[in-house]
Amino acid sequence: MQSLINKYGKWALITGASSGIGEEFAMQLAALKFNLVLVARRKDKLDQLSAKLIAKFNIEILVISLDLSKPDFLETIKQQTNHLDIGLLINNAGFAITGSFLNDKLENQLSLLDVNCKAPLVLSHYFGNKMLIKGSGGIINIASTAAFLPLPYWSNYAASKAYLLSFSEGIWNELKDKGIDVLAVCPGPTQTEFASIAKVNFKGMTANDVVNYSLKYIGKKPAVIVGFANQFSTFFLRFFSRKTLIKFGAIFTKKIAIN
């Protein structure tokens, strides 16, 4: 993995960096001596992580406290990173809303799309153009195995991850001959704060598993499903009708939802 810094340069930007998978990306990339831009809403968490990583790895870190659902978020990132050569972009921020679609406020559902879909698109376009000029770069988008299955009561979340997977695979093809690597990472249930925020209960893989897969396969594949069990289950799904898959999805989300 040390070759990553030689390939992409010294600076990486991570969204959703205050906990879970984003925090694990920060720790592993810091260990590889990447300098980091850490983006999330909770400045206190970012400051704590930044102090720990600077003390341990003697790297440079820029903290940006920011809500990616806000329409002007890119201007803040532009202003604060204009002097940096961001060579690796990790679009990790995302969340789910559990429950009946019509029972939730429209603004919440739109915020989900802003964070899960619009923000990765905007950041990939902005930093991708910078990478295009220098002829190298890497973009990792954290999708989900939810991208492969319609999920009633997680309808918007599953759709957002299907979008992110398809988007990533498309631009992978567009950019692979221009020196820019794109990877969609599809974890299954993961032991992070995501579950409590989404009001679900499940056991799953660790954030370490997800990041290891991401850094191993960037530049080698357009997409990767994390873990053999998830690889097997998503392969198995192709043998069922869409109507049956919807039933499977409803059983899954009802099972994990916290009443």
Protein backbone atom coordinates (compact mmCIF):
# COMPACT_ATOMS: atom_id res chain seq x y z
CA MET A 1 0.00 0.00 0.00
CA GLN A 2 2.97 2.34 0.38
CA SER A 3 2.94 2.76 -3.41
CA LEU A 4 -0.36 4.65 -3.08
CA ILE A 5 1.39 7.79 -1.89
CA ASN A 6 3.84 7.56 -4.78
CA LYS A 7 0.94 7.16 -7.20
CA TYR A 8 -1.49 9.78 -5.89
CA GLY A 9 0.67 12.26 -4.01
CA LYS A 10 0.84 13.42 -0.41
CA TRP A 11 -2.70 14.70 0.20
CA ALA A 12 -5.99 12.83 0.65
CA LEU A 13 -9.43 14.24 1.41
CA ILE A 14 -11.94 12.15 3.41
CA THR A 15 -15.60 13.01 3.96
CA GLY A 16 -17.47 11.62 6.94
CA ALA A 17 -14.10 11.45 8.69
CA SER A 18 -15.24 11.92 12.28
CA SER A 19 -16.08 8.27 12.97
CA GLY A 20 -16.49 4.77 11.55
CA ILE A 21 -15.16 4.02 8.09
CA GLY A 22 -14.01 7.60 7.53
CA GLU A 23 -12.01 7.61 10.76
CA GLU A 24 -10.45 4.27 9.82
CA PHE A 25 -9.45 5.68 6.41
CA ALA A 26 -7.79 8.58 8.22
CA MET A 27 -5.83 6.27 10.51
CA GLN A 28 -4.65 3.94 7.75
CA LEU A 29 -3.73 6.72 5.34
CA ALA A 30 -1.93 8.59 8.11
CA ALA A 31 0.09 5.44 8.77
CA LEU A 32 1.10 5.56 5.10
CA LYS A 33 2.21 9.18 5.66
CA PHE A 34 -0.57 10.85 3.69
CA ASN A 35 -1.40 14.38 4.76
CA LEU A 36 -5.14 14.64 5.31
CA VAL A 37 -8.11 16.91 4.83
CA LEU A 38 -10.79 15.69 7.23
CA VAL A 39 -14.36 16.75 6.45
CA ALA A 40 -17.40 16.18 8.69
CA ARG A 41 -19.94 18.14 10.70
CA ARG A 42 -18.57 17.46 14.20
CA LYS A 43 -15.54 19.69 14.64
CA ASP A 44 -14.77 18.40 18.13
CA LYS A 45 -14.44 14.83 16.83
CA LEU A 46 -12.30 15.97 13.91
CA ASP A 47 -10.03 17.99 16.18
CA GLN A 48 -9.54 15.02 18.52
CA LEU A 49 -8.71 12.70 15.62
CA SER A 50 -6.42 15.28 14.05
CA ALA A 51 -4.43 15.80 17.26
CA LYS A 52 -4.01 12.04 17.71
CA LEU A 53 -2.82 11.44 14.16
CA ILE A 54 -0.44 14.41 14.12
CA ALA A 55 1.15 13.26 17.39
CA LYS A 56 1.50 9.67 16.22
CA PHE A 57 2.47 10.07 12.56
CA ASN A 58 3.85 13.63 12.29
CA ILE A 59 1.69 14.53 9.28
CA GLU A 60 -0.18 17.66 8.21
CA ILE A 61 -3.96 17.77 8.70
CA LEU A 62 -6.58 20.29 7.69
CA VAL A 63 -9.93 20.05 9.48
CA ILE A 64 -13.06 21.32 7.71
CA SER A 65 -16.27 21.29 9.73
CA LEU A 66 -19.00 21.18 7.11
CA ASP A 67 -22.50 19.90 6.37
CA LEU A 68 -22.46 18.31 2.91
CA SER A 69 -26.23 18.67 2.58
CA LYS A 70 -25.85 22.46 2.33
CA PRO A 71 -25.93 23.86 -1.23
CA ASP A 72 -22.75 25.96 -0.87
CA PHE A 73 -20.47 23.34 0.68
CA LEU A 74 -18.13 23.20 -2.33
CA GLU A 75 -17.19 26.88 -2.01
CA THR A 76 -15.91 26.25 1.50
CA ILE A 77 -13.86 23.26 0.36
CA LYS A 78 -12.49 25.20 -2.62
CA GLN A 79 -11.36 28.10 -0.44
CA GLN A 80 -9.69 25.93 2.18
CA THR A 81 -8.00 23.42 -0.15
CA ASN A 82 -7.04 25.64 -3.08
CA HIS A 83 -3.37 25.55 -2.07
CA LEU A 84 -3.31 21.73 -1.69
CA ASP A 85 -2.71 19.03 -4.28
CA ILE A 86 -5.47 16.54 -3.40
CA GLY A 87 -4.54 13.30 -5.13
CA LEU A 88 -6.87 10.87 -3.35
CA LEU A 89 -10.56 11.58 -2.69
CA ILE A 90 -12.57 9.38 -0.32
CA ASN A 91 -16.32 10.01 -0.62
CA ASN A 92 -17.41 8.23 2.54
CA ALA A 93 -20.08 10.45 4.12
CA GLY A 94 -23.58 8.99 4.01
CA PHE A 95 -26.58 8.03 6.11
CA ALA A 96 -29.84 6.08 5.99
CA ILE A 97 -33.38 6.86 7.06
CA THR A 98 -35.32 3.85 8.31
CA GLY A 99 -39.08 3.70 7.97
CA SER A 100 -41.93 4.29 5.57
CA PHE A 101 -40.98 6.82 2.89
CA LEU A 102 -44.23 8.81 3.18
CA ASN A 103 -44.03 8.98 6.97
CA ASP A 104 -40.81 11.00 6.86
CA LYS A 105 -40.32 14.67 6.05
CA LEU A 106 -39.43 15.44 2.45
CA GLU A 107 -36.52 17.64 3.50
CA ASN A 108 -34.91 14.70 5.30
CA GLN A 109 -35.15 12.53 2.20
CA LEU A 110 -33.69 15.30 0.05
CA SER A 111 -30.82 15.77 2.53
CA LEU A 112 -30.05 12.08 2.17
CA LEU A 113 -29.72 12.51 -1.59
CA ASP A 114 -27.56 15.60 -1.11
CA VAL A 115 -25.10 13.76 1.14
CA ASN A 116 -25.17 10.29 -0.44
CA CYS A 117 -25.34 11.27 -4.13
CA LYS A 118 -24.87 14.97 -4.83
CA ALA A 119 -21.80 15.51 -2.63
CA PRO A 120 -19.80 12.62 -4.17
CA LEU A 121 -20.75 13.83 -7.65
CA VAL A 122 -19.75 17.44 -6.91
CA LEU A 123 -16.46 16.51 -5.24
CA SER A 124 -15.58 13.95 -7.91
CA HIS A 125 -16.18 16.57 -10.61
CA TYR A 126 -14.17 19.29 -8.87
CA PHE A 127 -11.18 17.23 -7.76
CA GLY A 128 -11.42 14.95 -10.80
CA ASN A 129 -10.76 17.92 -13.07
CA LYS A 130 -7.71 18.82 -11.01
CA MET A 131 -6.51 15.21 -11.23
CA LEU A 132 -7.09 15.28 -14.99
CA ILE A 133 -4.72 18.22 -15.40
CA LYS A 134 -1.85 16.43 -13.66
CA GLY A 135 -2.72 13.03 -15.14
CA SER A 136 -3.09 11.08 -11.91
CA GLY A 137 -5.46 10.61 -8.99
CA GLY A 138 -7.76 8.26 -7.16
CA ILE A 139 -11.43 8.43 -6.14
CA ILE A 140 -13.00 5.95 -3.72
CA ASN A 141 -16.78 6.07 -3.32
CA ILE A 142 -18.29 4.12 -0.43
CA ALA A 143 -21.46 2.52 -1.78
CA SER A 144 -23.11 -0.53 -0.17
CA THR A 145 -24.42 -4.01 -0.85
CA ALA A 146 -27.78 -2.21 -0.52
CA ALA A 147 -27.08 -1.09 -4.10
CA PHE A 148 -27.94 -4.60 -5.31
CA LEU A 149 -31.30 -5.03 -3.60
CA PRO A 150 -34.54 -3.01 -3.41
CA LEU A 151 -35.07 -2.30 0.29
CA PRO A 152 -38.54 -1.24 1.42
CA TYR A 153 -38.26 1.00 4.51
CA TRP A 154 -34.77 1.90 3.27
CA SER A 155 -36.03 2.77 -0.20
CA ASN A 156 -34.24 6.09 -0.69
CA TYR A 157 -31.01 4.88 0.93
CA ALA A 158 -30.79 1.76 -1.26
CA ALA A 159 -31.54 3.84 -4.35
CA SER A 160 -28.84 6.34 -3.41
CA LYS A 161 -26.26 3.57 -3.15
CA ALA A 162 -27.37 2.05 -6.47
CA TYR A 163 -26.80 5.49 -8.00
CA LEU A 164 -23.34 5.79 -6.44
CA LEU A 165 -22.31 2.34 -7.66
CA SER A 166 -23.49 2.99 -11.22
CA PHE A 167 -21.96 6.47 -11.27
CA SER A 168 -18.61 5.14 -10.05
CA GLU A 169 -18.48 2.34 -12.59
CA GLY A 170 -19.32 4.77 -15.38
CA ILE A 171 -16.63 7.32 -14.58
CA TRP A 172 -14.15 4.48 -13.93
CA ASN A 173 -14.42 3.67 -17.63
CA GLU A 174 -14.19 7.31 -18.65
CA LEU A 175 -11.10 8.03 -16.55
CA LYS A 176 -9.13 4.77 -16.46
CA ASP A 177 -6.98 5.73 -19.45
CA LYS A 178 -6.38 9.25 -18.13
CA GLY A 179 -4.45 8.23 -15.01
CA ILE A 180 -7.39 8.48 -12.61
CA ASP A 181 -8.49 5.40 -10.67
CA VAL A 182 -12.11 5.13 -9.48
CA LEU A 183 -13.39 2.46 -7.11
CA ALA A 184 -16.88 1.83 -5.72
CA VAL A 185 -16.68 -0.06 -2.43
CA CYS A 186 -19.75 -2.06 -1.38
CA PRO A 187 -19.66 -3.11 2.28
CA GLY A 188 -22.42 -5.02 3.98
CA PRO A 189 -23.53 -4.17 7.54
CA THR A 190 -20.56 -2.56 9.31
CA GLN A 191 -19.92 -1.87 12.99
CA THR A 192 -20.07 1.94 13.01
CA GLU A 193 -22.30 4.79 14.22
CA PHE A 194 -24.29 4.37 11.01
CA ALA A 195 -26.52 1.76 12.68
CA SER A 196 -27.55 3.94 15.62
CA ILE A 197 -28.18 6.96 13.38
CA ALA A 198 -30.25 4.83 11.00
CA LYS A 199 -32.07 3.25 13.99
CA VAL A 200 -31.18 -0.29 13.05
CA ASN A 201 -29.51 -3.13 14.88
CA PHE A 202 -27.11 -5.51 13.19
CA LYS A 203 -23.76 -7.19 13.57
CA GLY A 204 -21.33 -6.88 10.74
CA MET A 205 -17.80 -6.42 9.52
CA THR A 206 -15.39 -3.87 10.93
CA ALA A 207 -14.42 -0.55 9.40
CA ASN A 208 -10.91 -1.98 9.17
CA ASP A 209 -12.19 -4.66 6.75
CA VAL A 210 -13.79 -2.03 4.53
CA VAL A 211 -10.73 0.21 4.37
CA ASN A 212 -8.36 -2.72 3.75
CA TYR A 213 -10.44 -3.78 0.74
CA SER A 214 -10.61 -0.20 -0.52
CA LEU A 215 -6.88 0.43 -0.42
CA LYS A 216 -6.11 -3.02 -1.80
CA TYR A 217 -8.33 -2.75 -4.87
CA ILE A 218 -8.11 0.91 -5.85
CA GLY A 219 -6.62 0.95 -9.34
CA LYS A 220 -7.41 -2.74 -9.90
CA LYS A 221 -11.21 -2.90 -10.19
CA PRO A 222 -14.14 -0.55 -10.84
CA ALA A 223 -16.06 -1.96 -7.86
CA VAL A 224 -15.53 -4.38 -5.01
CA ILE A 225 -17.92 -6.13 -2.63
CA VAL A 226 -16.35 -6.45 0.81
CA GLY A 227 -16.20 -9.96 2.23
CA PHE A 228 -16.86 -13.42 0.82
CA ALA A 229 -20.30 -13.75 2.44
CA ASN A 230 -21.45 -10.50 0.82
CA GLN A 231 -19.93 -11.49 -2.50
CA PHE A 232 -21.78 -14.80 -2.40
CA SER A 233 -25.11 -13.29 -1.37
CA THR A 234 -25.07 -10.59 -4.06
CA PHE A 235 -24.19 -13.20 -6.69
CA PHE A 236 -27.03 -15.38 -5.42
CA LEU A 237 -29.56 -12.54 -5.77
CA ARG A 238 -29.32 -12.55 -9.57
CA PHE A 239 -31.26 -15.81 -9.74
CA PHE A 240 -34.46 -14.29 -8.32
CA SER A 241 -37.15 -12.11 -9.86
CA ARG A 242 -37.33 -8.43 -8.92
CA LYS A 243 -40.60 -9.07 -7.11
CA THR A 244 -38.94 -11.74 -4.97
CA LEU A 245 -35.99 -9.45 -4.27
CA ILE A 246 -38.36 -6.78 -2.97
CA LYS A 247 -39.80 -9.32 -0.55
CA PHE A 248 -36.30 -10.29 0.59
CA GLY A 249 -35.46 -6.62 1.09
CA ALA A 250 -38.56 -5.97 3.18
CA ILE A 251 -37.78 -8.95 5.42
CA PHE A 252 -34.22 -7.67 5.94
CA THR A 253 -35.11 -4.09 6.86
CA LYS A 254 -37.98 -5.13 9.15
CA LYS A 255 -35.64 -7.54 10.91
CA ILE A 256 -32.94 -4.95 11.64
CA ALA A 257 -35.21 -1.96 12.42
CA ILE A 258 -35.28 -0.86 16.04
CA ASN A 259 -38.91 -0.60 17.15
